[in-house]
C-alpha atoms as a PDB file:
ATOM      1  CA  MET A   1     161.922  42.780-113.631  1.00  0.00           C
ATOM      2  CA  GLY A   2     159.379  41.705-116.232  1.00  0.00           C
ATOM      3  CA  THR A   3     159.562  42.573-119.890  1.00  0.00           C
ATOM      4  CA  LEU A   4     157.581  45.150-121.837  1.00  0.00           C
ATOM      5  CA  SER A   5     157.094  42.674-124.678  1.00  0.00           C
ATOM      6  CA  HIS A   6     153.612  42.057-123.221  1.00  0.00           C
ATOM      7  CA  VAL A   7     152.424  45.640-123.839  1.00  0.00           C
ATOM      8  CA  GLY A   8     150.047  44.665-126.670  1.00  0.00           C
ATOM      9  CA  VAL A   9     147.702  42.420-124.670  1.00  0.00           C
ATOM     10  CA  LEU A  10     147.029  42.253-120.947  1.00  0.00           C
ATOM     11  CA  SER A  11     147.556  38.771-119.532  1.00  0.00           C
ATOM     12  CA  ARG A  12     147.581  37.203-116.100  1.00  0.00           C
ATOM     13  CA  GLU A  13     150.865  35.481-116.930  1.00  0.00           C
ATOM     14  CA  ALA A  14     152.645  38.779-117.602  1.00  0.00           C
ATOM     15  CA  PHE A  15     151.431  40.288-114.323  1.00  0.00           C
ATOM     16  CA  ASP A  16     152.325  37.130-112.409  1.00  0.00           C
ATOM     17  CA  GLU A  17     155.839  37.283-113.847  1.00  0.00           C
ATOM     18  CA  ILE A  18     156.286  40.901-112.792  1.00  0.00           C
ATOM     19  CA  GLU A  19     154.864  40.179-109.346  1.00  0.00           C
ATOM     20  CA  PHE A  20     157.136  37.192-108.745  1.00  0.00           C
ATOM     21  CA  ASP A  21     160.199  39.162-109.894  1.00  0.00           C
ATOM     22  CA  ALA A  22     159.275  41.984-107.508  1.00  0.00           C
ATOM     23  CA  ALA A  23     158.896  39.530-104.634  1.00  0.00           C
ATOM     24  CA  ALA A  24     162.367  38.159-105.378  1.00  0.00           C
ATOM     25  CA  THR A  25     164.118  41.512-105.836  1.00  0.00           C
ATOM     26  CA  GLY A  26     162.086  43.728-103.498  1.00  0.00           C
ATOM     27  CA  ASP A  27     161.764  46.353-106.249  1.00  0.00           C
ATOM     28  CA  HIS A  28     158.023  46.875-105.991  1.00  0.00           C
ATOM     29  CA  ARG A  29     158.222  50.403-107.384  1.00  0.00           C
ATOM     30  CA  ALA A  30     159.590  49.207-110.718  1.00  0.00           C
ATOM     31  CA  ALA A  31     156.930  46.487-110.777  1.00  0.00           C
ATOM     32  CA  ALA A  32     154.213  49.065-110.102  1.00  0.00           C
ATOM     33  CA  GLN A  33     155.499  51.310-112.883  1.00  0.00           C
ATOM     34  CA  GLU A  34     155.566  48.446-115.369  1.00  0.00           C
ATOM     35  CA  MET A  35     152.110  47.209-114.369  1.00  0.00           C
ATOM     36  CA  THR A  36     150.695  50.734-114.646  1.00  0.00           C
ATOM     37  CA  LEU A  37     152.143  51.102-118.149  1.00  0.00           C
ATOM     38  CA  LEU A  38     150.653  47.769-119.129  1.00  0.00           C
ATOM     39  CA  ALA A  39     147.263  48.753-117.693  1.00  0.00           C
ATOM     40  CA  ASP A  40     147.381  52.062-119.583  1.00  0.00           C
ATOM     41  CA  THR A  41     148.415  50.688-122.966  1.00  0.00           C
ATOM     42  CA  GLY A  42     147.476  47.008-123.169  1.00  0.00           C
ATOM     43  CA  THR A  43     144.345  45.489-124.616  1.00  0.00           C
ATOM     44  CA  GLN A  44     142.279  43.889-121.884  1.00  0.00           C
ATOM     45  CA  THR A  45     141.336  40.235-122.056  1.00  0.00           C
ATOM     46  CA  ALA A  46     138.870  37.963-120.285  1.00  0.00           C
ATOM     47  CA  GLY A  47     141.707  36.694-118.098  1.00  0.00           C
ATOM     48  CA  MET A  48     143.016  40.180-117.270  1.00  0.00           C
ATOM     49  CA  PRO A  49     140.442  42.997-117.409  1.00  0.00           C
ATOM     50  CA  ARG A  50     141.858  46.510-117.249  1.00  0.00           C
ATOM     51  CA  ALA A  51     140.344  47.145-113.816  1.00  0.00           C
ATOM     52  CA  GLU A  52     142.202  44.115-112.445  1.00  0.00           C
ATOM     53  CA  ALA A  53     145.424  45.359-114.051  1.00  0.00           C
ATOM     54  CA  TYR A  54     145.067  48.690-112.242  1.00  0.00           C
ATOM     55  CA  MET A  55     144.264  46.819-109.038  1.00  0.00           C
ATOM     56  CA  ARG A  56     147.447  44.768-109.191  1.00  0.00           C
ATOM     57  CA  ALA A  57     149.503  47.831-110.068  1.00  0.00           C
ATOM     58  CA  GLY A  58     148.019  49.581-107.038  1.00  0.00           C
ATOM     59  CA  GLU A  59     148.949  46.670-104.796  1.00  0.00           C
ATOM     60  CA  GLN A  60     152.554  46.974-105.925  1.00  0.00           C
ATOM     61  CA  TRP A  61     152.485  50.725-105.215  1.00  0.00           C
ATOM     62  CA  LEU A  62     151.307  49.895-101.686  1.00  0.00           C
ATOM     63  CA  LEU A  63     154.198  47.458-101.266  1.00  0.00           C
ATOM     64  CA  ALA A  64     156.524  50.208-102.505  1.00  0.00           C
ATOM     65  CA  ASP A  65     155.139  52.446 -99.719  1.00  0.00           C
ATOM     66  CA  GLU A  66     153.696  54.930-102.209  1.00  0.00           C
ATOM     67  CA  PRO A  67     150.047  55.099-101.158  1.00  0.00           C
ATOM     68  CA  ALA A  68     149.154  58.144-103.285  1.00  0.00           C
ATOM     69  CA  ALA A  69     150.152  56.306-106.469  1.00  0.00           C
ATOM     70  CA  ALA A  70     148.346  53.227-105.162  1.00  0.00           C
ATOM     71  CA  ALA A  71     145.170  55.225-104.545  1.00  0.00           C
ATOM     72  CA  ASN A  72     145.373  56.534-108.085  1.00  0.00           C
ATOM     73  CA  GLY A  73     145.517  52.973-109.410  1.00  0.00           C
ATOM     74  CA  PHE A  74     142.542  51.871-107.333  1.00  0.00           C
ATOM     75  CA  LEU A  75     140.562  54.930-108.432  1.00  0.00           C
ATOM     76  CA  ARG A  76     141.280  54.108-112.046  1.00  0.00           C
ATOM     77  CA  ALA A  77     140.026  50.572-111.442  1.00  0.00           C
ATOM     78  CA  ILE A  78     136.817  51.996-109.965  1.00  0.00           C
ATOM     79  CA  GLU A  79     136.364  54.442-112.842  1.00  0.00           C
ATOM     80  CA  ASP A  80     136.986  51.705-115.401  1.00  0.00           C
ATOM     81  CA  GLY A  81     134.029  49.855-113.895  1.00  0.00           C
ATOM     82  CA  GLY A  82     135.219  46.480-115.118  1.00  0.00           C
ATOM     83  CA  PRO A  83     135.529  43.270-113.119  1.00  0.00           C
ATOM     84  CA  SER A  84     138.303  42.734-110.579  1.00  0.00           C
ATOM     85  CA  SER A  85     139.172  40.034-108.077  1.00  0.00           C
ATOM     86  CA  VAL A  86     138.364  42.331-105.117  1.00  0.00           C
ATOM     87  CA  ASP A  87     136.300  45.506-104.843  1.00  0.00           C
ATOM     88  CA  PRO A  88     138.887  48.281-105.418  1.00  0.00           C
ATOM     89  CA  ARG A  89     137.389  50.323-102.589  1.00  0.00           C
ATOM     90  CA  VAL A  90     138.915  47.879-100.094  1.00  0.00           C
ATOM     91  CA  PRO A  91     142.597  48.527-100.924  1.00  0.00           C
ATOM     92  CA  LEU A  92     141.711  52.180-101.565  1.00  0.00           C
ATOM     93  CA  ALA A  93     140.706  52.452 -97.907  1.00  0.00           C
ATOM     94  CA  ARG A  94     144.085  51.029 -96.897  1.00  0.00           C
ATOM     95  CA  ALA A  95     145.876  53.553 -99.115  1.00  0.00           C
ATOM     96  CA  LEU A  96     143.871  56.417 -97.625  1.00  0.00           C
ATOM     97  CA  PHE A  97     144.791  55.343 -94.093  1.00  0.00           C
ATOM     98  CA  MET A  98     148.457  55.208 -95.119  1.00  0.00           C
ATOM     99  CA  MET A  99     148.135  58.760 -96.482  1.00  0.00           C
ATOM    100  CA  GLY A 100     146.705  59.989 -93.189  1.00  0.00           C
ATOM    101  CA  GLU A 101     143.278  60.574 -94.754  1.00  0.00           C
ATOM    102  CA  THR A 102     141.551  58.827 -91.850  1.00  0.00           C
ATOM    103  CA  GLY A 103     138.182  60.539 -92.184  1.00  0.00           C
ATOM    104  CA  GLU A 104     137.926  59.779 -95.887  1.00  0.00           C
ATOM    105  CA  ALA A 105     138.981  56.165 -95.309  1.00  0.00           C
ATOM    106  CA  GLU A 106     136.454  55.678 -92.515  1.00  0.00           C
ATOM    107  CA  SER A 107     133.700  57.185 -94.661  1.00  0.00           C
ATOM    108  CA  LEU A 108     134.541  54.711 -97.405  1.00  0.00           C
ATOM    109  CA  LEU A 109     134.494  51.812 -94.933  1.00  0.00           C
ATOM    110  CA  ALA A 110     131.107  52.975 -93.630  1.00  0.00           C
ATOM    111  CA  ARG A 111     129.688  52.838 -97.160  1.00  0.00           C
ATOM    112  CA  LEU A 112     131.069  49.340 -97.633  1.00  0.00           C
ATOM    113  CA  ALA A 113     129.568  48.263 -94.300  1.00  0.00           C
ATOM    114  CA  ALA A 114     126.152  49.590 -95.309  1.00  0.00           C
ATOM    115  CA  GLU A 115     126.024  47.192 -98.279  1.00  0.00           C
ATOM    116  CA  PRO A 116     125.321  43.460 -97.913  1.00  0.00           C
ATOM    117  CA  PRO A 117     128.695  41.754 -98.441  1.00  0.00           C
ATOM    118  CA  ARG A 118     129.100  39.631-101.553  1.00  0.00           C
ATOM    119  CA  ASP A 119     132.648  38.255-101.460  1.00  0.00           C
ATOM    120  CA  PRO A 120     134.369  36.319 -98.640  1.00  0.00           C
ATOM    121  CA  ARG A 121     137.766  37.565 -99.800  1.00  0.00           C
ATOM    122  CA  MET A 122     136.627  41.164 -99.412  1.00  0.00           C
ATOM    123  CA  CYS A 123     135.416  40.369 -95.890  1.00  0.00           C
ATOM    124  CA  ASP A 124     138.778  38.799 -95.106  1.00  0.00           C
ATOM    125  CA  LEU A 125     140.730  41.846 -96.288  1.00  0.00           C
ATOM    126  CA  LEU A 126     138.488  44.283 -94.425  1.00  0.00           C
ATOM    127  CA  ALA A 127     138.710  42.229 -91.231  1.00  0.00           C
ATOM    128  CA  GLU A 128     142.509  42.285 -91.505  1.00  0.00           C
ATOM    129  CA  LEU A 129     142.576  46.028 -92.165  1.00  0.00           C
ATOM    130  CA  LEU A 130     140.340  46.831 -89.194  1.00  0.00           C
ATOM    131  CA  ALA A 131     142.302  44.494 -86.922  1.00  0.00           C
ATOM    132  CA  GLU A 132     145.462  46.377 -87.885  1.00  0.00           C
ATOM    133  CA  ARG A 133     143.614  49.574 -86.970  1.00  0.00           C
ATOM    134  CA  SER A 134     142.729  48.037 -83.567  1.00  0.00           C
ATOM    135  CA  ASP A 135     139.011  48.079 -84.431  1.00  0.00           C
ATOM    136  CA  MET A 136     138.476  44.530 -83.253  1.00  0.00           C
ATOM    137  CA  ILE A 137     134.678  44.813 -83.112  1.00  0.00           C
ATOM    138  CA  GLY A 138     134.493  45.862 -86.760  1.00  0.00           C
ATOM    139  CA  ALA A 139     137.069  43.241 -87.698  1.00  0.00           C
ATOM    140  CA  LEU A 140     135.024  40.521 -86.041  1.00  0.00           C
ATOM    141  CA  ALA A 141     131.861  41.650 -87.813  1.00  0.00           C
ATOM    142  CA  TRP A 142     133.551  41.380 -91.211  1.00  0.00           C
ATOM    143  CA  ALA A 143     135.104  38.016 -90.348  1.00  0.00           C
ATOM    144  CA  ASN A 144     131.658  36.731 -89.292  1.00  0.00           C
ATOM    145  CA  ALA A 145     130.153  37.909 -92.584  1.00  0.00           C
ATOM    146  CA  GLY A 146     132.904  36.228 -94.585  1.00  0.00           C
ATOM    147  CA  VAL A 147     132.414  32.920 -92.803  1.00  0.00           C
ATOM    148  CA  GLN A 148     128.690  33.081 -93.448  1.00  0.00           C
ATOM    149  CA  LEU A 149     129.246  33.739 -97.156  1.00  0.00           C
ATOM    150  CA  CYS A 150     131.605  30.768 -97.372  1.00  0.00           C
ATOM    151  CA  LEU A 151     128.894  28.604 -95.815  1.00  0.00           C
ATOM    152  CA  GLY A 152     126.293  29.752 -98.309  1.00  0.00           C
ATOM    153  CA  LEU A 153     124.443  32.031 -95.886  1.00  0.00           C
ATOM    154  CA  ASP A 154     123.224  35.543 -96.633  1.00  0.00           C
ATOM    155  CA  PRO A 155     124.556  38.073 -94.094  1.00  0.00           C
ATOM    156  CA  GLY A 156     123.061  41.504 -93.974  1.00  0.00           C
ATOM    157  CA  PRO A 157     124.994  44.791 -93.896  1.00  0.00           C
ATOM    158  CA  VAL A 158     127.990  44.715 -91.548  1.00  0.00           C
ATOM    159  CA  ASP A 159     127.374  48.154 -90.051  1.00  0.00           C
ATOM    160  CA  LEU A 160     127.030  47.233 -86.362  1.00  0.00           C
ATOM    161  CA  GLY A 161     127.424  50.687 -84.886  1.00  0.00           C
ATOM    162  CA  PRO A 162     128.837  50.992 -81.354  1.00  0.00           C
ATOM    163  CA  GLU A 163     128.160  47.388 -80.319  1.00  0.00           C
ATOM    164  CA  ALA A 164     129.968  46.038 -77.282  1.00  0.00           C
ATOM    165  CA  PRO A 165     132.092  42.900 -77.571  1.00  0.00           C
ATOM    166  CA  GLU A 166     129.602  41.002 -75.404  1.00  0.00           C
ATOM    167  CA  SER A 167     126.879  41.414 -78.043  1.00  0.00           C
ATOM    168  CA  LEU A 168     129.049  39.652 -80.588  1.00  0.00           C
ATOM    169  CA  GLU A 169     129.484  36.737 -78.212  1.00  0.00           C
ATOM    170  CA  GLU A 170     125.806  35.899 -78.360  1.00  0.00           C
ATOM    171  CA  SER A 171     124.544  33.453 -80.964  1.00  0.00           C
ATOM    172  CA  ALA A 172     121.288  35.297 -81.528  1.00  0.00           C
ATOM    173  CA  GLY A 173     121.229  35.461 -85.316  1.00  0.00           C
ATOM    174  CA  PRO A 174     123.228  35.338 -88.530  1.00  0.00           C
ATOM    175  CA  ARG A 175     124.432  38.958 -88.304  1.00  0.00           C
ATOM    176  CA  ASN A 176     126.308  38.037 -85.143  1.00  0.00           C
ATOM    177  CA  GLY A 177     127.960  35.040 -86.751  1.00  0.00           C
ATOM    178  CA  ALA A 178     125.715  32.347 -85.327  1.00  0.00           C
ATOM    179  CA  PRO A 179     126.591  29.047 -86.967  1.00  0.00           C
ATOM    180  CA  ALA A 180     123.747  27.476 -88.878  1.00  0.00           C
ATOM    181  CA  GLN A 181     122.673  23.905 -88.439  1.00  0.00           C
ATOM    182  CA  GLY A 182     124.691  21.599 -90.680  1.00  0.00           C
ATOM    183  CA  SER A 183     127.761  23.836 -91.017  1.00  0.00           C
ATOM    184  CA  ALA A 184     130.063  20.802 -91.054  1.00  0.00           C
ATOM    185  CA  ASP A 185     127.998  19.291 -93.868  1.00  0.00           C
ATOM    186  CA  ARG A 186     128.217  22.549 -95.810  1.00  0.00           C
ATOM    187  CA  VAL A 187     132.003  22.563 -95.417  1.00  0.00           C
ATOM    188  CA  ARG A 188     132.355  19.054 -96.794  1.00  0.00           C
ATOM    189  CA  GLY A 189     130.534  20.153 -99.945  1.00  0.00           C
ATOM    190  CA  LEU A 190     132.772  23.163-100.596  1.00  0.00           C
ATOM    191  CA  PRO A 191     135.392  23.194-103.365  1.00  0.00           C
ATOM    192  CA  SER A 192     139.005  23.127-102.174  1.00  0.00           C
ATOM    193  CA  GLY A 193     139.603  26.835-102.835  1.00  0.00           C
ATOM    194  CA  ASP A 194     136.497  27.842-100.887  1.00  0.00           C
ATOM    195  CA  ARG A 195     137.561  25.645 -97.965  1.00  0.00           C
ATOM    196  CA  ALA A 196     140.952  27.389 -97.996  1.00  0.00           C
ATOM    197  CA  GLU A 197     139.260  30.806 -97.840  1.00  0.00           C
ATOM    198  CA  LEU A 198     137.002  29.581 -95.035  1.00  0.00           C
ATOM    199  CA  ARG A 199     140.038  28.357 -93.094  1.00  0.00           C
ATOM    200  CA  LEU A 200     141.705  31.769 -93.447  1.00  0.00           C
ATOM    201  CA  LEU A 201     138.574  33.534 -92.225  1.00  0.00           C
ATOM    202  CA  LEU A 202     137.998  31.175 -89.309  1.00  0.00           C
ATOM    203  CA  SER A 203     141.643  31.491 -88.255  1.00  0.00           C
ATOM    204  CA  LEU A 204     141.496  35.280 -88.406  1.00  0.00           C
ATOM    205  CA  ARG A 205     138.182  35.268 -86.553  1.00  0.00           C
ATOM    206  CA  PHE A 206     139.651  33.042 -83.836  1.00  0.00           C
ATOM    207  CA  ARG A 207     142.577  35.448 -83.320  1.00  0.00           C
ATOM    208  CA  ILE A 208     140.243  38.438 -83.155  1.00  0.00           C
ATOM    209  CA  ARG A 209     137.944  36.775 -80.651  1.00  0.00           C
ATOM    210  CA  ASN A 210     140.929  35.703 -78.586  1.00  0.00           C
ATOM    211  CA  ASP A 211     142.125  39.325 -78.467  1.00  0.00           C
ATOM    212  CA  LEU A 212     138.645  40.371 -77.342  1.00  0.00           C
ATOM    213  CA  GLY A 213     138.640  37.732 -74.606  1.00  0.00           C
ATOM    214  CA  LEU A 214     135.627  35.928 -76.050  1.00  0.00           C
ATOM    215  CA  PRO A 215     135.156  32.217 -75.332  1.00  0.00           C
ATOM    216  CA  GLU A 216     135.259  29.455 -77.912  1.00  0.00           C
ATOM    217  CA  ASP A 217     132.093  29.111 -79.981  1.00  0.00           C
ATOM    218  CA  ALA A 218     130.770  26.758 -82.649  1.00  0.00           C
ATOM    219  CA  TYR A 219     132.649  28.499 -85.460  1.00  0.00           C
ATOM    220  CA  ASP A 220     135.902  28.069 -83.543  1.00  0.00           C
ATOM    221  CA  ARG A 221     135.144  24.378 -83.218  1.00  0.00           C
ATOM    222  CA  LEU A 222     134.370  24.246 -86.929  1.00  0.00           C
ATOM    223  CA  LEU A 223     137.960  25.357 -87.579  1.00  0.00           C
ATOM    224  CA  ASP A 224     139.167  22.260 -85.738  1.00  0.00           C
ATOM    225  CA  GLU A 225     136.954  20.083 -87.936  1.00  0.00           C
ATOM    226  CA  LEU A 226     138.182  21.487 -91.256  1.00  0.00           C
ATOM    227  CA  PRO A 227     140.301  18.961 -93.170  1.00  0.00           C
ATOM    228  CA  SER A 228     143.811  20.084 -94.071  1.00  0.00           C
ATOM    229  CA  GLU A 229     144.150  21.131 -97.680  1.00  0.00           C
ATOM    230  CA  PRO A 230     146.599  19.174 -99.874  1.00  0.00           C
ATOM    231  CA  GLY A 231     149.985  20.869 -99.859  1.00  0.00           C
ATOM    232  CA  SER A 232     149.213  23.090 -96.876  1.00  0.00           C
ATOM    233  CA  VAL A 233     151.758  23.454 -94.120  1.00  0.00           C
ATOM    234  CA  ALA A 234     150.461  23.783 -90.578  1.00  0.00           C
ATOM    235  CA  GLY A 235     151.732  26.760 -88.665  1.00  0.00           C
ATOM    236  CA  LEU A 236     152.408  29.024 -91.636  1.00  0.00           C
ATOM    237  CA  PRO A 237     150.784  32.459 -91.367  1.00  0.00           C
ATOM    238  CA  ALA A 238     147.759  33.079 -93.552  1.00  0.00           C
ATOM    239  CA  GLU A 239     149.616  35.773 -95.467  1.00  0.00           C
ATOM    240  CA  THR A 240     151.833  33.174 -97.148  1.00  0.00           C
ATOM    241  CA  THR A 241     148.857  32.011 -99.219  1.00  0.00           C
ATOM    242  CA  ARG A 242     147.567  35.445-100.215  1.00  0.00           C
ATOM    243  CA  ALA A 243     149.352  36.020-103.532  1.00  0.00           C
ATOM    244  CA  SER A 244     148.715  32.566-104.956  1.00  0.00           C
ATOM    245  CA  ASP A 245     145.114  32.627-103.734  1.00  0.00           C
ATOM    246  CA  ALA A 246     144.413  35.945-105.431  1.00  0.00           C
ATOM    247  CA  ALA A 247     146.223  34.921-108.603  1.00  0.00           C
ATOM    248  CA  SER A 248     144.238  31.699-108.926  1.00  0.00           C
ATOM    249  CA  ARG A 249     140.779  33.291-108.702  1.00  0.00           C
ATOM    250  CA  SER A 250     138.614  32.994-111.786  1.00  0.00           C
ATOM    251  CA  THR A 251     135.658  35.024-110.495  1.00  0.00           C
ATOM    252  CA  TRP A 252     135.396  38.792-110.628  1.00  0.00           C
ATOM    253  CA  THR A 253     133.492  41.532-108.901  1.00  0.00           C
ATOM    254  CA  VAL A 254     132.324  44.584-110.813  1.00  0.00           C
ATOM    255  CA  SER A 255     133.573  47.928-109.589  1.00  0.00           C
ATOM    256  CA  PRO A 256     130.847  50.377-108.562  1.00  0.00           C
ATOM    257  CA  SER A 257     130.666  53.747-110.248  1.00  0.00           C
ATOM    258  CA  VAL A 258     132.320  55.879-107.589  1.00  0.00           C
ATOM    259  CA  THR A 259     134.462  58.944-108.261  1.00  0.00           C
ATOM    260  CA  TRP A 260     136.934  60.584-105.924  1.00  0.00           C
ATOM    261  CA  PRO A 261     138.008  63.654-107.907  1.00  0.00           C
ATOM    262  CA  ALA A 262     139.826  65.343-105.022  1.00  0.00           C
ATOM    263  CA  ARG A 263     141.803  62.213-104.237  1.00  0.00           C
ATOM    264  CA  ARG A 264     142.494  61.621-107.910  1.00  0.00           C
ATOM    265  CA  ALA A 265     144.057  65.058-108.279  1.00  0.00           C
ATOM    266  CA  ARG A 266     146.235  64.642-105.200  1.00  0.00           C
ATOM    267  CA  ALA A 267     147.261  61.086-106.114  1.00  0.00           C
ATOM    268  CA  SER A 268     148.288  61.884-109.663  1.00  0.00           C
END
């Protein structure tokens, strides 16, 4: 496991080292403990804000199957209010589901859905979470929003209510994932990392639509037109790129000021 010699200053390199060691050994609990100590005691930097440190510690607690400790980490990221690679409310919802706090998790997801989405990665994670929960309609809505963000469009709130799958099949407007004119041209102008995120979202969207029995649409065909990224291996599941993708991000989102005092007490 990583070394505590990094306690003085928070750095991405130190957290990467701990994360890679945990992946090799399977000891995610020790990694989570070390990351939490670093987040508590280290001096934050531009490359590793304290909120992001708590986020990554929480992710390791999830991998250690300790969702209460994970929720505590995500809450601390929210309370810190600093920038993080993903809105901490997204993994917090996953932790709440794992704890059996379904109502609280669904309430949190409803608040997220009522806000216009800002980050394709957040849309990706929420689509995955809802697909795991067998909410394929909600998953498709988030996947649609993520694709639109990647293409430079401006989706509205994702709260679709009790829409039937057939309504999502129609290409009536941007909220339903209708491809805009010139999508292929937009893709060609995207940086490599953004194209990789778009590929992940389109692949997830295709699987969701296939499960719903929906026919191929223009976004599905756009997936076929995407050029392969250098170093990518066809056929590998999307999850194999998650850790490196998250670690390489240089942009941050700012945590909203949300408090969950009851959850904080039970998670600590």
